[in-house]
N, C-alpha and C. Protein backbone atom coordinates (compact mmCIF):
# COMPACT_ATOMS: atom_id res chain seq x y z
N UNK A 1 -9.62 -3.79 69.09
CA UNK A 1 -9.32 -5.19 69.32
C UNK A 1 -7.85 -5.42 69.00
N UNK A 2 -7.18 -6.17 69.80
CA UNK A 2 -5.76 -6.45 69.61
C UNK A 2 -5.55 -7.37 68.42
N UNK A 3 -4.36 -7.32 67.86
CA UNK A 3 -4.03 -8.21 66.75
C UNK A 3 -3.85 -9.62 67.27
N UNK A 4 -4.30 -10.58 66.50
CA UNK A 4 -4.14 -11.97 66.90
C UNK A 4 -3.44 -12.72 65.78
N UNK A 5 -2.77 -13.77 66.15
CA UNK A 5 -2.04 -14.57 65.17
C UNK A 5 -2.81 -15.81 64.76
N UNK A 6 -3.81 -16.19 65.54
CA UNK A 6 -4.50 -17.44 65.30
C UNK A 6 -5.96 -17.18 64.97
N UNK A 7 -6.45 -17.82 63.92
CA UNK A 7 -7.88 -17.83 63.65
C UNK A 7 -8.29 -19.28 63.44
N UNK A 8 -9.51 -19.60 63.84
CA UNK A 8 -9.98 -20.97 63.69
C UNK A 8 -10.59 -21.19 62.31
N UNK A 9 -11.18 -22.34 62.11
CA UNK A 9 -11.75 -22.69 60.81
C UNK A 9 -12.88 -21.76 60.40
N UNK A 10 -13.51 -21.12 61.38
CA UNK A 10 -14.60 -20.20 61.09
C UNK A 10 -14.09 -18.78 60.86
N UNK A 11 -12.79 -18.56 61.02
CA UNK A 11 -12.23 -17.24 60.82
C UNK A 11 -12.27 -16.36 62.06
N UNK A 12 -12.71 -16.90 63.18
CA UNK A 12 -12.78 -16.12 64.42
C UNK A 12 -11.45 -16.21 65.15
N UNK A 13 -11.00 -15.08 65.64
CA UNK A 13 -9.75 -15.09 66.40
C UNK A 13 -9.99 -15.71 67.76
N UNK A 14 -8.91 -16.00 68.46
CA UNK A 14 -9.06 -16.56 69.81
C UNK A 14 -9.77 -15.58 70.72
N UNK A 15 -9.55 -14.28 70.53
CA UNK A 15 -10.24 -13.29 71.35
C UNK A 15 -11.74 -13.28 71.05
N UNK A 16 -12.09 -13.31 69.76
CA UNK A 16 -13.49 -13.33 69.39
C UNK A 16 -14.16 -14.60 69.90
N UNK A 17 -13.48 -15.72 69.79
CA UNK A 17 -14.04 -16.99 70.22
C UNK A 17 -14.38 -16.94 71.71
N UNK A 18 -13.57 -16.26 72.51
CA UNK A 18 -13.82 -16.17 73.95
C UNK A 18 -15.13 -15.45 74.24
N UNK A 19 -15.54 -14.56 73.34
CA UNK A 19 -16.76 -13.79 73.57
C UNK A 19 -18.00 -14.44 72.97
N UNK A 20 -17.80 -15.41 72.11
CA UNK A 20 -18.97 -16.01 71.46
C UNK A 20 -19.87 -16.70 72.46
N UNK A 21 -21.14 -16.66 72.17
CA UNK A 21 -22.14 -17.24 73.06
C UNK A 21 -22.23 -18.75 72.95
N UNK A 22 -21.77 -19.31 71.84
CA UNK A 22 -21.83 -20.75 71.63
C UNK A 22 -20.44 -21.27 71.27
N UNK A 23 -20.18 -22.50 71.67
CA UNK A 23 -18.89 -23.12 71.34
C UNK A 23 -18.87 -23.47 69.85
N UNK A 24 -17.67 -23.65 69.29
CA UNK A 24 -17.57 -24.05 67.88
C UNK A 24 -18.31 -25.37 67.61
N UNK A 25 -18.29 -26.27 68.58
CA UNK A 25 -18.99 -27.55 68.42
C UNK A 25 -20.51 -27.34 68.32
N UNK A 26 -21.04 -26.44 69.14
CA UNK A 26 -22.47 -26.17 69.11
C UNK A 26 -22.85 -25.49 67.80
N UNK A 27 -22.01 -24.58 67.32
CA UNK A 27 -22.25 -23.92 66.04
C UNK A 27 -22.27 -24.97 64.92
N UNK A 28 -21.35 -25.92 64.97
CA UNK A 28 -21.31 -26.99 63.97
C UNK A 28 -22.58 -27.84 64.04
N UNK A 29 -23.03 -28.16 65.24
CA UNK A 29 -24.26 -28.94 65.40
C UNK A 29 -25.47 -28.19 64.85
N UNK A 30 -25.56 -26.90 65.16
CA UNK A 30 -26.68 -26.09 64.67
C UNK A 30 -26.68 -25.99 63.15
N UNK A 31 -25.51 -25.79 62.58
CA UNK A 31 -25.45 -25.68 61.12
C UNK A 31 -25.84 -26.99 60.45
N UNK A 32 -25.39 -28.10 61.00
CA UNK A 32 -25.75 -29.41 60.45
C UNK A 32 -27.26 -29.65 60.56
N UNK A 33 -27.82 -29.34 61.71
CA UNK A 33 -29.26 -29.52 61.92
C UNK A 33 -30.07 -28.63 60.98
N UNK A 34 -29.64 -27.40 60.81
CA UNK A 34 -30.35 -26.47 59.93
C UNK A 34 -30.29 -26.94 58.48
N UNK A 35 -29.12 -27.36 58.05
CA UNK A 35 -29.00 -27.87 56.68
C UNK A 35 -29.83 -29.13 56.47
N UNK A 36 -29.87 -29.99 57.48
CA UNK A 36 -30.71 -31.20 57.38
C UNK A 36 -32.18 -30.83 57.25
N UNK A 37 -32.61 -29.85 58.02
CA UNK A 37 -34.01 -29.40 57.95
C UNK A 37 -34.32 -28.80 56.58
N UNK A 38 -33.39 -27.98 56.08
CA UNK A 38 -33.61 -27.38 54.76
C UNK A 38 -33.65 -28.43 53.66
N UNK A 39 -32.84 -29.46 53.79
CA UNK A 39 -32.79 -30.53 52.78
C UNK A 39 -34.11 -31.28 52.68
N UNK A 40 -34.89 -31.28 53.76
CA UNK A 40 -36.17 -31.99 53.78
C UNK A 40 -37.30 -31.19 53.13
N UNK A 41 -37.05 -29.94 52.84
CA UNK A 41 -38.09 -29.08 52.25
C UNK A 41 -38.09 -29.26 50.74
N UNK A 42 -39.28 -29.56 50.21
CA UNK A 42 -39.42 -29.72 48.76
C UNK A 42 -39.07 -28.40 48.07
N UNK A 43 -38.31 -28.50 47.00
CA UNK A 43 -37.95 -27.32 46.24
C UNK A 43 -36.66 -26.66 46.66
N UNK A 44 -36.08 -27.10 47.76
CA UNK A 44 -34.80 -26.53 48.19
C UNK A 44 -33.68 -27.36 47.59
N UNK A 45 -32.88 -26.71 46.77
CA UNK A 45 -31.75 -27.37 46.13
C UNK A 45 -30.47 -26.67 46.56
N UNK A 46 -29.46 -27.47 46.85
CA UNK A 46 -28.18 -26.93 47.29
C UNK A 46 -27.18 -26.97 46.15
N UNK A 47 -26.35 -25.94 46.09
CA UNK A 47 -25.22 -25.93 45.16
C UNK A 47 -23.98 -26.10 46.02
N UNK A 48 -23.24 -27.15 45.79
CA UNK A 48 -22.05 -27.43 46.58
C UNK A 48 -22.23 -28.71 47.37
N UNK A 49 -21.12 -29.22 47.88
CA UNK A 49 -21.22 -30.45 48.66
C UNK A 49 -21.52 -30.13 50.13
N UNK A 50 -21.84 -31.16 50.88
CA UNK A 50 -22.23 -30.98 52.28
C UNK A 50 -21.18 -30.25 53.11
N UNK A 51 -19.92 -30.60 52.92
CA UNK A 51 -18.88 -29.97 53.74
C UNK A 51 -18.77 -28.47 53.45
N UNK A 52 -18.91 -28.08 52.18
CA UNK A 52 -18.88 -26.66 51.83
C UNK A 52 -20.07 -25.92 52.44
N UNK A 53 -21.23 -26.55 52.35
CA UNK A 53 -22.44 -25.93 52.89
C UNK A 53 -22.37 -25.79 54.40
N UNK A 54 -21.89 -26.83 55.07
CA UNK A 54 -21.79 -26.78 56.53
C UNK A 54 -20.81 -25.70 56.98
N UNK A 55 -19.68 -25.59 56.29
CA UNK A 55 -18.69 -24.58 56.63
C UNK A 55 -19.24 -23.17 56.41
N UNK A 56 -19.95 -22.98 55.30
CA UNK A 56 -20.56 -21.68 55.03
C UNK A 56 -21.61 -21.34 56.08
N UNK A 57 -22.41 -22.31 56.45
CA UNK A 57 -23.44 -22.09 57.47
C UNK A 57 -22.80 -21.78 58.82
N UNK A 58 -21.74 -22.48 59.17
CA UNK A 58 -21.03 -22.21 60.43
C UNK A 58 -20.50 -20.78 60.44
N UNK A 59 -19.97 -20.32 59.32
CA UNK A 59 -19.44 -18.96 59.24
C UNK A 59 -20.55 -17.94 59.41
N UNK A 60 -21.68 -18.18 58.79
CA UNK A 60 -22.82 -17.27 58.90
C UNK A 60 -23.30 -17.19 60.35
N UNK A 61 -23.44 -18.33 61.00
CA UNK A 61 -23.89 -18.35 62.39
C UNK A 61 -22.88 -17.65 63.28
N UNK A 62 -21.60 -17.93 63.10
CA UNK A 62 -20.56 -17.29 63.91
C UNK A 62 -20.57 -15.77 63.72
N UNK A 63 -20.74 -15.33 62.47
CA UNK A 63 -20.79 -13.90 62.20
C UNK A 63 -21.96 -13.24 62.90
N UNK A 64 -23.11 -13.89 62.85
CA UNK A 64 -24.30 -13.33 63.51
C UNK A 64 -24.13 -13.27 65.03
N UNK A 65 -23.47 -14.28 65.59
CA UNK A 65 -23.25 -14.28 67.03
C UNK A 65 -22.28 -13.18 67.46
N UNK A 66 -21.43 -12.76 66.56
CA UNK A 66 -20.42 -11.76 66.89
C UNK A 66 -20.92 -10.33 66.74
N UNK A 67 -22.07 -10.10 66.15
CA UNK A 67 -22.56 -8.75 65.89
C UNK A 67 -22.63 -7.94 67.19
N UNK A 68 -23.27 -8.46 68.21
CA UNK A 68 -23.42 -7.71 69.46
C UNK A 68 -22.08 -7.51 70.16
N UNK A 69 -21.22 -8.52 70.12
CA UNK A 69 -19.92 -8.38 70.76
C UNK A 69 -19.08 -7.31 70.09
N UNK A 70 -19.12 -7.26 68.77
CA UNK A 70 -18.38 -6.22 68.04
C UNK A 70 -18.95 -4.84 68.32
N UNK A 71 -20.26 -4.75 68.39
CA UNK A 71 -20.91 -3.48 68.71
C UNK A 71 -20.51 -3.01 70.10
N UNK A 72 -20.54 -3.91 71.08
CA UNK A 72 -20.14 -3.56 72.45
C UNK A 72 -18.70 -3.07 72.50
N UNK A 73 -17.80 -3.71 71.77
CA UNK A 73 -16.40 -3.29 71.74
C UNK A 73 -16.26 -1.92 71.09
N UNK A 74 -17.02 -1.67 70.04
CA UNK A 74 -17.00 -0.37 69.37
C UNK A 74 -17.48 0.73 70.31
N UNK A 75 -18.57 0.47 71.03
CA UNK A 75 -19.11 1.45 71.97
C UNK A 75 -18.11 1.72 73.09
N UNK A 76 -17.52 0.67 73.61
CA UNK A 76 -16.53 0.84 74.68
C UNK A 76 -15.39 1.75 74.20
N UNK A 77 -14.94 1.53 72.97
CA UNK A 77 -13.87 2.36 72.41
C UNK A 77 -14.33 3.81 72.25
N UNK A 78 -15.56 4.00 71.80
CA UNK A 78 -16.11 5.35 71.63
C UNK A 78 -16.17 6.08 72.96
N UNK A 79 -16.56 5.36 74.01
CA UNK A 79 -16.74 5.99 75.32
C UNK A 79 -15.43 6.31 76.01
N UNK A 80 -14.32 5.82 75.48
CA UNK A 80 -13.02 6.16 76.05
C UNK A 80 -12.78 7.67 75.97
N UNK A 81 -13.42 8.34 75.02
CA UNK A 81 -13.29 9.79 74.89
C UNK A 81 -13.87 10.51 76.10
N UNK A 82 -14.74 9.85 76.84
CA UNK A 82 -15.39 10.45 78.00
C UNK A 82 -14.84 9.89 79.31
N UNK A 83 -13.70 9.27 79.24
CA UNK A 83 -13.10 8.60 80.41
C UNK A 83 -12.96 9.55 81.60
N UNK A 84 -12.47 10.74 81.36
CA UNK A 84 -12.27 11.70 82.46
C UNK A 84 -13.59 12.07 83.11
N UNK A 85 -14.59 12.40 82.28
CA UNK A 85 -15.90 12.79 82.82
C UNK A 85 -16.55 11.65 83.59
N UNK A 86 -16.37 10.43 83.10
CA UNK A 86 -16.93 9.26 83.78
C UNK A 86 -16.23 9.04 85.11
N UNK A 87 -14.90 9.13 85.09
CA UNK A 87 -14.11 8.95 86.32
C UNK A 87 -14.46 10.00 87.35
N UNK A 88 -14.70 11.23 86.92
CA UNK A 88 -15.02 12.32 87.84
C UNK A 88 -16.48 12.28 88.30
N UNK A 89 -17.25 11.35 87.78
CA UNK A 89 -18.63 11.21 88.19
C UNK A 89 -19.59 12.13 87.47
N UNK A 90 -19.11 12.82 86.45
CA UNK A 90 -19.96 13.74 85.69
C UNK A 90 -20.86 13.00 84.71
N UNK A 91 -20.43 11.79 84.34
CA UNK A 91 -21.21 10.97 83.41
C UNK A 91 -21.24 9.55 83.93
N UNK A 92 -22.33 8.85 83.64
CA UNK A 92 -22.48 7.47 84.07
C UNK A 92 -22.18 6.55 82.89
N UNK A 93 -21.14 5.72 83.03
CA UNK A 93 -20.71 4.84 81.94
C UNK A 93 -21.84 3.91 81.50
N UNK A 94 -22.50 3.27 82.45
CA UNK A 94 -23.55 2.30 82.09
C UNK A 94 -24.69 2.96 81.33
N UNK A 95 -25.07 4.16 81.76
CA UNK A 95 -26.15 4.88 81.09
C UNK A 95 -25.71 5.32 79.68
N UNK A 96 -24.49 5.84 79.56
CA UNK A 96 -23.97 6.21 78.24
C UNK A 96 -23.89 5.01 77.32
N UNK A 97 -23.41 3.90 77.86
CA UNK A 97 -23.27 2.68 77.06
C UNK A 97 -24.64 2.24 76.55
N UNK A 98 -25.61 2.20 77.44
CA UNK A 98 -26.96 1.75 77.07
C UNK A 98 -27.58 2.66 76.00
N UNK A 99 -27.49 3.97 76.21
CA UNK A 99 -28.07 4.91 75.25
C UNK A 99 -27.35 4.85 73.90
N UNK A 100 -26.03 4.75 73.94
CA UNK A 100 -25.27 4.67 72.69
C UNK A 100 -25.62 3.39 71.95
N UNK A 101 -25.74 2.29 72.68
CA UNK A 101 -26.08 1.01 72.05
C UNK A 101 -27.47 1.08 71.42
N UNK A 102 -28.42 1.64 72.13
CA UNK A 102 -29.77 1.75 71.59
C UNK A 102 -29.78 2.59 70.32
N UNK A 103 -29.03 3.69 70.33
CA UNK A 103 -28.97 4.58 69.17
C UNK A 103 -28.34 3.87 67.97
N UNK A 104 -27.22 3.19 68.19
CA UNK A 104 -26.54 2.51 67.09
C UNK A 104 -27.36 1.35 66.55
N UNK A 105 -28.02 0.61 67.41
CA UNK A 105 -28.88 -0.49 66.97
C UNK A 105 -29.99 0.04 66.08
N UNK A 106 -30.59 1.15 66.50
CA UNK A 106 -31.67 1.75 65.72
C UNK A 106 -31.15 2.29 64.39
N UNK A 107 -30.03 3.04 64.43
CA UNK A 107 -29.46 3.62 63.21
C UNK A 107 -29.04 2.55 62.21
N UNK A 108 -28.46 1.49 62.71
CA UNK A 108 -27.93 0.44 61.84
C UNK A 108 -28.94 -0.65 61.54
N UNK A 109 -30.11 -0.55 62.17
CA UNK A 109 -31.20 -1.53 61.99
C UNK A 109 -30.72 -2.93 62.29
N UNK A 110 -30.03 -3.05 63.43
CA UNK A 110 -29.50 -4.35 63.86
C UNK A 110 -30.56 -5.13 64.63
N UNK A 111 -30.48 -6.42 64.54
CA UNK A 111 -31.33 -7.32 65.32
C UNK A 111 -30.38 -8.10 66.23
N UNK A 112 -30.51 -7.87 67.53
CA UNK A 112 -29.62 -8.55 68.49
C UNK A 112 -30.35 -9.65 69.21
């Protein structure tokens, strides 16, 4: 991933933000709704004020949304070692990508 100079309030770079599945506004709405739902549950107590909790929740959601994108970028970088074989038709990029992704998801016990 290239170096970036700008990160938003969630800590995501402009490049990462372009790959996210949800807009920052939608992430903020989801975090607010989730915190509201949790607040209605008896026995759930929060430490911190609402703005701190919402920001923390937004960061958690953004991080989870980025897991697959980061994995895809890592796999793409790994497969650059096979660029010649892929270009010559000796290997199929899509098949390698899919198998590598399945293996890494299983090894890392990721939920996508």
